[in-house]
């Protein structure tokens, strides 16, 4: 089976780990490596591809600045290191991408931002707007406020959550190995490299190795777990050796790596999730004009809604019905039920005056909606 070409995708998420970004012995940034990766990103960005970076490194950088000793840190030491390191990390990415006239935008997230629907919608909207403005969002787990109980524990799974959240076509996980092997290659000389994995079976999961280094909280096990999240969301994932300069270019030139292929697409996977996995909290009744617009793939605007049923919050799932009670679809609503009551039947330009803030133009965006037709959700 042939492997995809990164440059053929519309949206790419790149995950960079601490062990690649930071010199382990000195606790300092690998400036030349970052400059080369920024060059790769600029080449991809110039071709029109949306690029998002998920970057570790804040704790590794901050602990050096604060003079903390080697070894496992206590929670408050991790948080203090992150507070110092996040400032440095943002500056390094801003300078590296700015050298290519690319604007970087920092996004700090916690697990709740990608798992609770209201925060999910807000985080996704921020990243989407940055991409529309041709900036490169640089995402990191907000280690200054995360606790042991709620943290992801590694940025591989965080990257997978971000990738599926924004509908990325492919997630690139840079590691210190060139992909998945049938056994740990450093201990088993007979281990075979797997270039393409089209289904994650228990046997594939059993091939994952152990934990990684002090600076990196990831490992092959978490990378396979990230792959499960990604492919379920319609996103392909590739594990590649990122230690050399221009690692993204190396993938594009055919350097050995492991591709986890999804049988779906981000849009199809998301709409399937909305259509079947979420319990609706209410309903929106729409007029005939809005019904026709939805069936043709348009978003639902407030002007086309005639009634609001139930009590729901922003980001909750709602049914969309016509005047005869027929269910036309489900969607994630951009306003709570009280706000929705105030804006239905009105043009979007009046939302700011009615609510006191601009909000979104759509009450349910088409990307957050699964309509029902003769052949089911679409």
Protein backbone atom coordinates (compact mmCIF):
# COMPACT_ATOMS: atom_id res chain seq x y z
CA UNK A 1 0.00 0.00 0.00
CA UNK A 2 1.41 3.41 -0.98
CA UNK A 3 1.89 6.15 1.58
CA UNK A 4 0.21 9.56 1.25
CA UNK A 5 2.06 12.76 0.37
CA UNK A 6 1.90 15.44 3.06
CA UNK A 7 1.85 18.28 0.54
CA UNK A 8 -1.39 16.90 -0.93
CA UNK A 9 -3.29 17.50 2.30
CA UNK A 10 -5.21 20.66 3.16
CA UNK A 11 -4.47 20.78 6.90
CA UNK A 12 -1.48 19.35 8.78
CA UNK A 13 -0.71 19.17 12.52
CA UNK A 14 2.94 18.73 13.52
CA UNK A 15 3.85 17.53 17.01
CA UNK A 16 7.32 18.40 18.33
CA UNK A 17 8.54 16.77 21.53
CA UNK A 18 10.83 18.14 24.23
CA UNK A 19 13.62 15.67 23.48
CA UNK A 20 13.87 17.02 19.91
CA UNK A 21 13.47 20.70 20.70
CA UNK A 22 15.69 20.89 23.78
CA UNK A 23 19.33 19.82 24.17
CA UNK A 24 19.13 17.24 26.96
CA UNK A 25 22.60 17.88 28.37
CA UNK A 26 22.31 21.67 28.58
CA UNK A 27 18.56 22.19 28.78
CA UNK A 28 18.78 24.71 25.95
CA UNK A 29 16.89 25.07 22.72
CA UNK A 30 18.34 23.42 19.62
CA UNK A 31 18.22 26.62 17.60
CA UNK A 32 19.61 25.25 14.32
CA UNK A 33 17.14 22.33 14.39
CA UNK A 34 14.17 24.63 15.04
CA UNK A 35 15.30 26.97 12.25
CA UNK A 36 15.40 24.03 9.82
CA UNK A 37 11.94 22.83 10.87
CA UNK A 38 10.59 26.37 10.49
CA UNK A 39 11.98 26.34 6.95
CA UNK A 40 10.06 23.10 6.28
CA UNK A 41 6.88 24.61 7.72
CA UNK A 42 7.33 27.73 5.60
CA UNK A 43 7.63 25.63 2.43
CA UNK A 44 4.40 23.78 3.26
CA UNK A 45 2.65 26.99 4.32
CA UNK A 46 3.64 28.72 1.07
CA UNK A 47 1.89 25.99 -0.91
CA UNK A 48 -1.41 26.90 0.77
CA UNK A 49 -1.48 24.16 3.44
CA UNK A 50 -2.83 25.04 6.89
CA UNK A 51 -0.18 24.17 9.50
CA UNK A 52 -0.68 23.79 13.26
CA UNK A 53 2.18 23.00 15.64
CA UNK A 54 1.77 21.15 18.94
CA UNK A 55 4.97 21.87 20.83
CA UNK A 56 6.37 20.49 24.04
CA UNK A 57 9.41 22.03 25.70
CA UNK A 58 8.10 24.59 28.18
CA UNK A 59 8.98 22.58 31.30
CA UNK A 60 12.33 21.45 29.87
CA UNK A 61 13.31 25.06 29.12
CA UNK A 62 11.91 26.53 32.34
CA UNK A 63 13.56 24.10 34.72
CA UNK A 64 16.99 25.09 33.37
CA UNK A 65 16.28 28.80 33.78
CA UNK A 66 15.11 28.18 37.36
CA UNK A 67 18.12 26.00 38.14
CA UNK A 68 16.10 22.94 39.13
CA UNK A 69 18.11 19.70 39.44
CA UNK A 70 17.78 16.68 37.11
CA UNK A 71 15.19 14.08 37.97
CA UNK A 72 11.44 13.95 38.47
CA UNK A 73 9.90 17.28 39.51
CA UNK A 74 7.10 17.82 41.98
CA UNK A 75 3.83 19.15 40.58
CA UNK A 76 4.43 22.73 41.72
CA UNK A 77 7.96 22.63 40.26
CA UNK A 78 6.55 21.45 36.92
CA UNK A 79 4.02 24.28 36.99
CA UNK A 80 6.65 26.89 37.87
CA UNK A 81 8.95 25.58 35.14
CA UNK A 82 6.10 25.75 32.63
CA UNK A 83 5.27 29.33 33.63
CA UNK A 84 8.84 30.41 32.83
CA UNK A 85 9.33 28.10 29.87
CA UNK A 86 6.11 28.99 28.04
CA UNK A 87 7.32 32.57 27.62
CA UNK A 88 10.61 31.38 26.14
CA UNK A 89 8.96 28.74 23.97
CA UNK A 90 6.52 31.25 22.47
CA UNK A 91 9.38 33.64 21.72
CA UNK A 92 11.45 30.96 20.00
CA UNK A 93 8.57 29.88 17.77
CA UNK A 94 7.65 33.49 16.99
CA UNK A 95 11.21 34.26 15.93
CA UNK A 96 11.71 31.05 13.94
CA UNK A 97 8.49 31.44 11.96
CA UNK A 98 8.80 35.22 11.76
CA UNK A 99 12.05 34.74 9.83
CA UNK A 100 9.80 33.45 7.03
CA UNK A 101 7.21 36.23 7.51
CA UNK A 102 4.78 33.84 9.21
CA UNK A 103 2.83 34.98 12.26
CA UNK A 104 2.71 32.54 15.17
CA UNK A 105 -0.19 32.42 17.62
CA UNK A 106 0.12 30.75 21.02
CA UNK A 107 -2.73 28.49 22.18
CA UNK A 108 -2.57 27.05 25.70
CA UNK A 109 -5.09 24.27 26.32
CA UNK A 110 -6.13 21.82 29.01
CA UNK A 111 -7.93 18.49 28.46
CA UNK A 112 -11.29 20.13 29.09
CA UNK A 113 -10.73 22.48 26.16
CA UNK A 114 -10.84 19.54 23.75
CA UNK A 115 -13.36 17.33 25.54
CA UNK A 116 -16.08 19.66 26.87
CA UNK A 117 -18.13 20.81 23.91
CA UNK A 118 -18.44 24.48 24.91
CA UNK A 119 -14.71 24.91 25.40
CA UNK A 120 -14.11 22.71 22.38
CA UNK A 121 -16.10 25.08 20.15
CA UNK A 122 -14.24 28.12 21.47
CA UNK A 123 -10.79 26.57 21.11
CA UNK A 124 -11.62 25.32 17.63
CA UNK A 125 -12.98 28.70 16.56
CA UNK A 126 -9.79 30.45 17.73
CA UNK A 127 -7.55 28.05 15.81
CA UNK A 128 -9.78 28.25 12.73
CA UNK A 129 -9.60 32.04 12.72
CA UNK A 130 -5.81 32.02 13.04
CA UNK A 131 -5.63 29.63 10.08
CA UNK A 132 -7.97 31.81 8.06
CA UNK A 133 -5.59 34.71 8.71
CA UNK A 134 -2.70 32.47 7.53
CA UNK A 135 -1.05 32.36 10.95
CA UNK A 136 0.48 29.19 12.41
CA UNK A 137 -1.07 28.29 15.79
CA UNK A 138 1.44 26.85 18.28
CA UNK A 139 -0.43 24.72 20.80
CA UNK A 140 0.80 23.40 24.14
CA UNK A 141 -0.81 21.85 27.18
CA UNK A 142 -1.25 24.51 29.83
CA UNK A 143 1.09 22.92 32.37
CA UNK A 144 0.88 25.96 34.66
CA UNK A 145 -2.67 25.00 35.71
CA UNK A 146 -2.96 21.31 34.79
CA UNK A 147 -2.79 18.81 37.64
CA UNK A 148 -1.64 15.21 37.75
CA UNK A 149 -5.27 14.08 37.83
CA UNK A 150 -6.44 15.94 34.71
CA UNK A 151 -3.37 16.30 32.54
CA UNK A 152 -2.91 14.29 29.36
CA UNK A 153 0.49 13.11 30.55
CA UNK A 154 2.01 13.54 27.09
CA UNK A 155 1.55 15.78 24.08
CA UNK A 156 1.10 12.92 21.62
CA UNK A 157 -2.51 12.41 22.64
CA UNK A 158 -2.98 16.14 22.99
CA UNK A 159 -1.82 16.52 19.38
CA UNK A 160 -4.29 13.85 18.28
CA UNK A 161 -7.14 15.62 20.09
CA UNK A 162 -6.21 18.93 18.48
CA UNK A 163 -5.92 17.30 15.05
CA UNK A 164 -9.39 15.78 15.22
CA UNK A 165 -10.84 18.93 16.80
CA UNK A 166 -9.84 21.09 13.83
CA UNK A 167 -10.45 18.48 11.14
CA UNK A 168 -6.78 17.98 10.20
CA UNK A 169 -6.06 15.59 7.36
CA UNK A 170 -2.79 14.33 8.83
CA UNK A 171 -0.91 14.41 12.14
CA UNK A 172 2.88 14.21 12.07
CA UNK A 173 4.48 12.88 15.27
CA UNK A 174 8.23 13.44 15.32
CA UNK A 175 10.09 10.96 17.50
CA UNK A 176 13.58 9.56 18.07
CA UNK A 177 12.72 6.48 15.97
CA UNK A 178 11.55 6.18 12.37
CA UNK A 179 8.25 4.52 13.14
CA UNK A 180 6.68 1.40 14.59
CA UNK A 181 8.53 -1.94 14.64
CA UNK A 182 7.29 -5.43 15.41
CA UNK A 183 9.52 -5.26 18.51
CA UNK A 184 11.84 -2.65 20.07
CA UNK A 185 14.62 -2.38 17.44
CA UNK A 186 17.34 -1.52 19.97
CA UNK A 187 16.84 -4.85 21.76
CA UNK A 188 15.66 -7.12 18.95
CA UNK A 189 17.78 -7.12 15.77
CA UNK A 190 15.08 -9.14 14.00
CA UNK A 191 12.45 -6.43 14.51
CA UNK A 192 10.67 -5.43 11.31
CA UNK A 193 9.67 -1.88 10.43
CA UNK A 194 6.00 -1.33 9.56
CA UNK A 195 5.63 1.39 6.90
CA UNK A 196 1.80 1.31 6.74
CA UNK A 197 -0.75 0.35 9.38
CA UNK A 198 -4.28 0.39 7.98
CA UNK A 199 -5.91 -1.00 11.13
CA UNK A 200 -4.86 -0.82 14.78
CA UNK A 201 -5.28 -4.34 16.13
CA UNK A 202 -4.37 -5.71 19.58
CA UNK A 203 -1.24 -7.11 17.94
CA UNK A 204 -0.26 -3.63 16.73
CA UNK A 205 -0.83 -2.20 20.21
CA UNK A 206 1.34 -4.92 21.73
CA UNK A 207 4.26 -3.85 19.53
CA UNK A 208 4.49 -0.43 21.23
CA UNK A 209 7.55 0.12 23.42
CA UNK A 210 8.01 1.53 26.91
CA UNK A 211 8.31 5.01 28.39
CA UNK A 212 10.65 7.69 27.10
CA UNK A 213 13.16 10.05 28.67
CA UNK A 214 13.05 12.50 31.56
CA UNK A 215 12.44 15.41 29.16
CA UNK A 216 9.86 13.59 27.06
CA UNK A 217 6.71 12.17 28.63
CA UNK A 218 5.78 10.28 25.47
CA UNK A 219 6.76 6.88 24.15
CA UNK A 220 5.70 4.49 21.38
CA UNK A 221 2.79 3.31 23.51
CA UNK A 222 1.33 6.80 23.71
CA UNK A 223 1.97 7.31 20.00
CA UNK A 224 -0.14 4.27 19.15
CA UNK A 225 -2.82 5.56 21.53
CA UNK A 226 -2.64 8.89 19.71
CA UNK A 227 -3.02 7.04 16.41
CA UNK A 228 -6.23 5.42 17.69
CA UNK A 229 -7.65 8.87 18.48
CA UNK A 230 -6.53 10.31 15.16
CA UNK A 231 -7.78 7.59 12.82
CA UNK A 232 -11.12 7.40 14.65
CA UNK A 233 -11.51 11.10 13.88
CA UNK A 234 -10.69 10.66 10.20
CA UNK A 235 -7.09 11.90 10.48
CA UNK A 236 -4.11 9.97 9.11
CA UNK A 237 -1.03 9.90 11.34
CA UNK A 238 2.66 9.41 10.60
CA UNK A 239 5.48 8.65 13.06
CA UNK A 240 8.86 9.81 11.79
CA UNK A 241 12.39 10.32 13.07
CA UNK A 242 12.70 14.03 13.78
CA UNK A 243 16.26 14.19 15.05
CA UNK A 244 17.87 15.37 11.82
CA UNK A 245 17.49 18.82 10.30
CA UNK A 246 14.54 19.47 7.98
CA UNK A 247 12.57 16.45 9.26
CA UNK A 248 9.39 17.40 7.43
CA UNK A 249 11.23 17.62 4.15
CA UNK A 250 12.69 14.18 4.85
CA UNK A 251 9.16 12.69 5.05
CA UNK A 252 8.21 14.41 1.80
CA UNK A 253 11.32 12.95 0.16
CA UNK A 254 10.37 9.42 1.20
CA UNK A 255 12.45 8.84 4.33
CA UNK A 256 11.30 5.77 6.24
CA UNK A 257 8.36 6.34 8.59
CA UNK A 258 5.16 4.62 9.75
CA UNK A 259 1.76 5.74 8.47
CA UNK A 260 -1.46 4.97 10.34
CA UNK A 261 -4.24 5.34 7.78
CA UNK A 262 -7.83 6.29 8.55
CA UNK A 263 -10.70 4.70 6.65
CA UNK A 264 -12.73 7.89 7.05
CA UNK A 265 -12.26 11.63 6.57
CA UNK A 266 -12.31 14.33 9.28
CA UNK A 267 -15.65 15.69 8.04
CA UNK A 268 -17.34 12.30 7.76
CA UNK A 269 -16.06 11.14 11.16
CA UNK A 270 -17.17 14.35 12.85
CA UNK A 271 -20.65 14.25 11.35
CA UNK A 272 -21.05 10.60 12.30
CA UNK A 273 -20.16 11.53 15.89
CA UNK A 274 -22.67 14.39 15.93
CA UNK A 275 -25.40 12.27 14.31
CA UNK A 276 -25.19 9.28 16.58
CA UNK A 277 -23.03 9.77 19.65
CA UNK A 278 -24.56 12.83 21.31
CA UNK A 279 -27.82 13.05 23.23
CA UNK A 280 -29.77 16.16 22.13
CA UNK A 281 -30.58 18.72 24.82
CA UNK A 282 -33.24 20.59 22.87
CA UNK A 283 -34.42 21.47 19.40
CA UNK A 284 -34.56 24.28 16.86
CA UNK A 285 -37.60 24.56 14.59
CA UNK A 286 -36.81 26.08 11.18
CA UNK A 287 -38.77 27.47 8.24
CA UNK A 288 -38.92 26.06 4.71
CA UNK A 289 -36.23 28.36 3.35
CA UNK A 290 -33.78 27.29 6.03
CA UNK A 291 -34.68 23.63 5.46
CA UNK A 292 -33.81 23.93 1.76
CA UNK A 293 -30.56 25.72 2.61
CA UNK A 294 -29.54 22.97 5.05
CA UNK A 295 -30.18 20.22 2.53
CA UNK A 296 -27.87 22.02 0.11
CA UNK A 297 -25.07 22.15 2.71
CA UNK A 298 -25.52 25.64 4.21
CA UNK A 299 -25.18 26.64 7.87
CA UNK A 300 -28.26 27.43 9.95
CA UNK A 301 -28.69 31.17 10.51
CA UNK A 302 -30.86 32.69 13.26
CA UNK A 303 -33.17 34.26 10.68
CA UNK A 304 -34.33 30.80 9.58
CA UNK A 305 -35.28 29.58 13.08
CA UNK A 306 -38.90 29.96 14.17
CA UNK A 307 -38.86 28.34 17.62
CA UNK A 308 -36.56 27.07 20.37
CA UNK A 309 -37.44 23.98 22.39
CA UNK A 310 -35.81 22.88 25.65
CA UNK A 311 -33.03 24.34 27.77
CA UNK A 312 -29.52 23.90 26.39
CA UNK A 313 -26.09 25.45 26.74
CA UNK A 314 -23.66 26.67 24.15
CA UNK A 315 -22.02 23.68 22.49
CA UNK A 316 -24.81 21.24 23.34
CA UNK A 317 -26.31 18.98 20.69
CA UNK A 318 -29.77 19.94 19.44
CA UNK A 319 -32.23 18.47 16.97
CA UNK A 320 -33.17 20.53 13.94
CA UNK A 321 -36.83 20.13 12.93
CA UNK A 322 -39.10 21.58 10.27
CA UNK A 323 -42.57 23.00 10.93
CA UNK A 324 -44.11 19.53 10.54
CA UNK A 325 -41.93 18.00 13.26
CA UNK A 326 -39.67 16.08 10.91
CA UNK A 327 -36.06 15.83 12.12
CA UNK A 328 -33.74 17.27 9.49
CA UNK A 329 -30.51 16.89 11.42
CA UNK A 330 -28.51 17.42 14.59
CA UNK A 331 -25.93 20.03 15.41
CA UNK A 332 -23.82 21.72 18.07
CA UNK A 333 -25.49 25.03 18.85
CA UNK A 334 -23.39 28.21 19.12
CA UNK A 335 -25.68 29.95 21.65
CA UNK A 336 -27.49 28.84 24.78
CA UNK A 337 -31.28 28.55 24.73
CA UNK A 338 -31.87 31.94 26.37
CA UNK A 339 -29.69 33.71 23.80
CA UNK A 340 -31.21 31.69 20.99
CA UNK A 341 -34.70 32.88 21.97
CA UNK A 342 -33.52 36.48 21.58
CA UNK A 343 -31.98 36.13 18.12
CA UNK A 344 -34.24 33.71 16.22
CA UNK A 345 -35.95 35.17 13.21
CA UNK A 346 -33.45 38.02 13.09
CA UNK A 347 -30.60 38.62 10.63
CA UNK A 348 -27.09 37.83 11.87
CA UNK A 349 -26.02 41.47 11.69
CA UNK A 350 -28.36 42.22 14.61
CA UNK A 351 -26.83 39.64 16.99
CA UNK A 352 -24.43 42.11 18.62
CA UNK A 353 -27.22 44.59 19.37
CA UNK A 354 -29.51 41.90 20.76
CA UNK A 355 -26.95 40.09 22.93
CA UNK A 356 -24.39 42.80 23.68
CA UNK A 357 -21.61 40.86 21.96
CA UNK A 358 -21.06 39.85 18.35
CA UNK A 359 -21.08 36.08 18.77
CA UNK A 360 -21.14 33.93 15.65
CA UNK A 361 -23.15 34.54 12.51
CA UNK A 362 -24.54 31.00 12.50
CA UNK A 363 -26.66 29.46 15.21
CA UNK A 364 -25.37 26.07 13.99
CA UNK A 365 -22.40 26.02 11.64
CA UNK A 366 -22.46 23.47 8.83
CA UNK A 367 -19.25 21.91 10.16
CA UNK A 368 -21.06 21.24 13.44
CA UNK A 369 -24.12 19.71 11.79
CA UNK A 370 -25.18 16.33 10.44
CA UNK A 371 -28.24 16.53 8.22
CA UNK A 372 -30.56 13.59 7.59
CA UNK A 373 -31.54 12.63 4.06
CA UNK A 374 -32.63 9.55 2.17
CA UNK A 375 -29.23 7.91 2.74
CA UNK A 376 -28.69 8.99 6.33
CA UNK A 377 -26.31 11.54 7.91
CA UNK A 378 -24.11 13.63 5.68
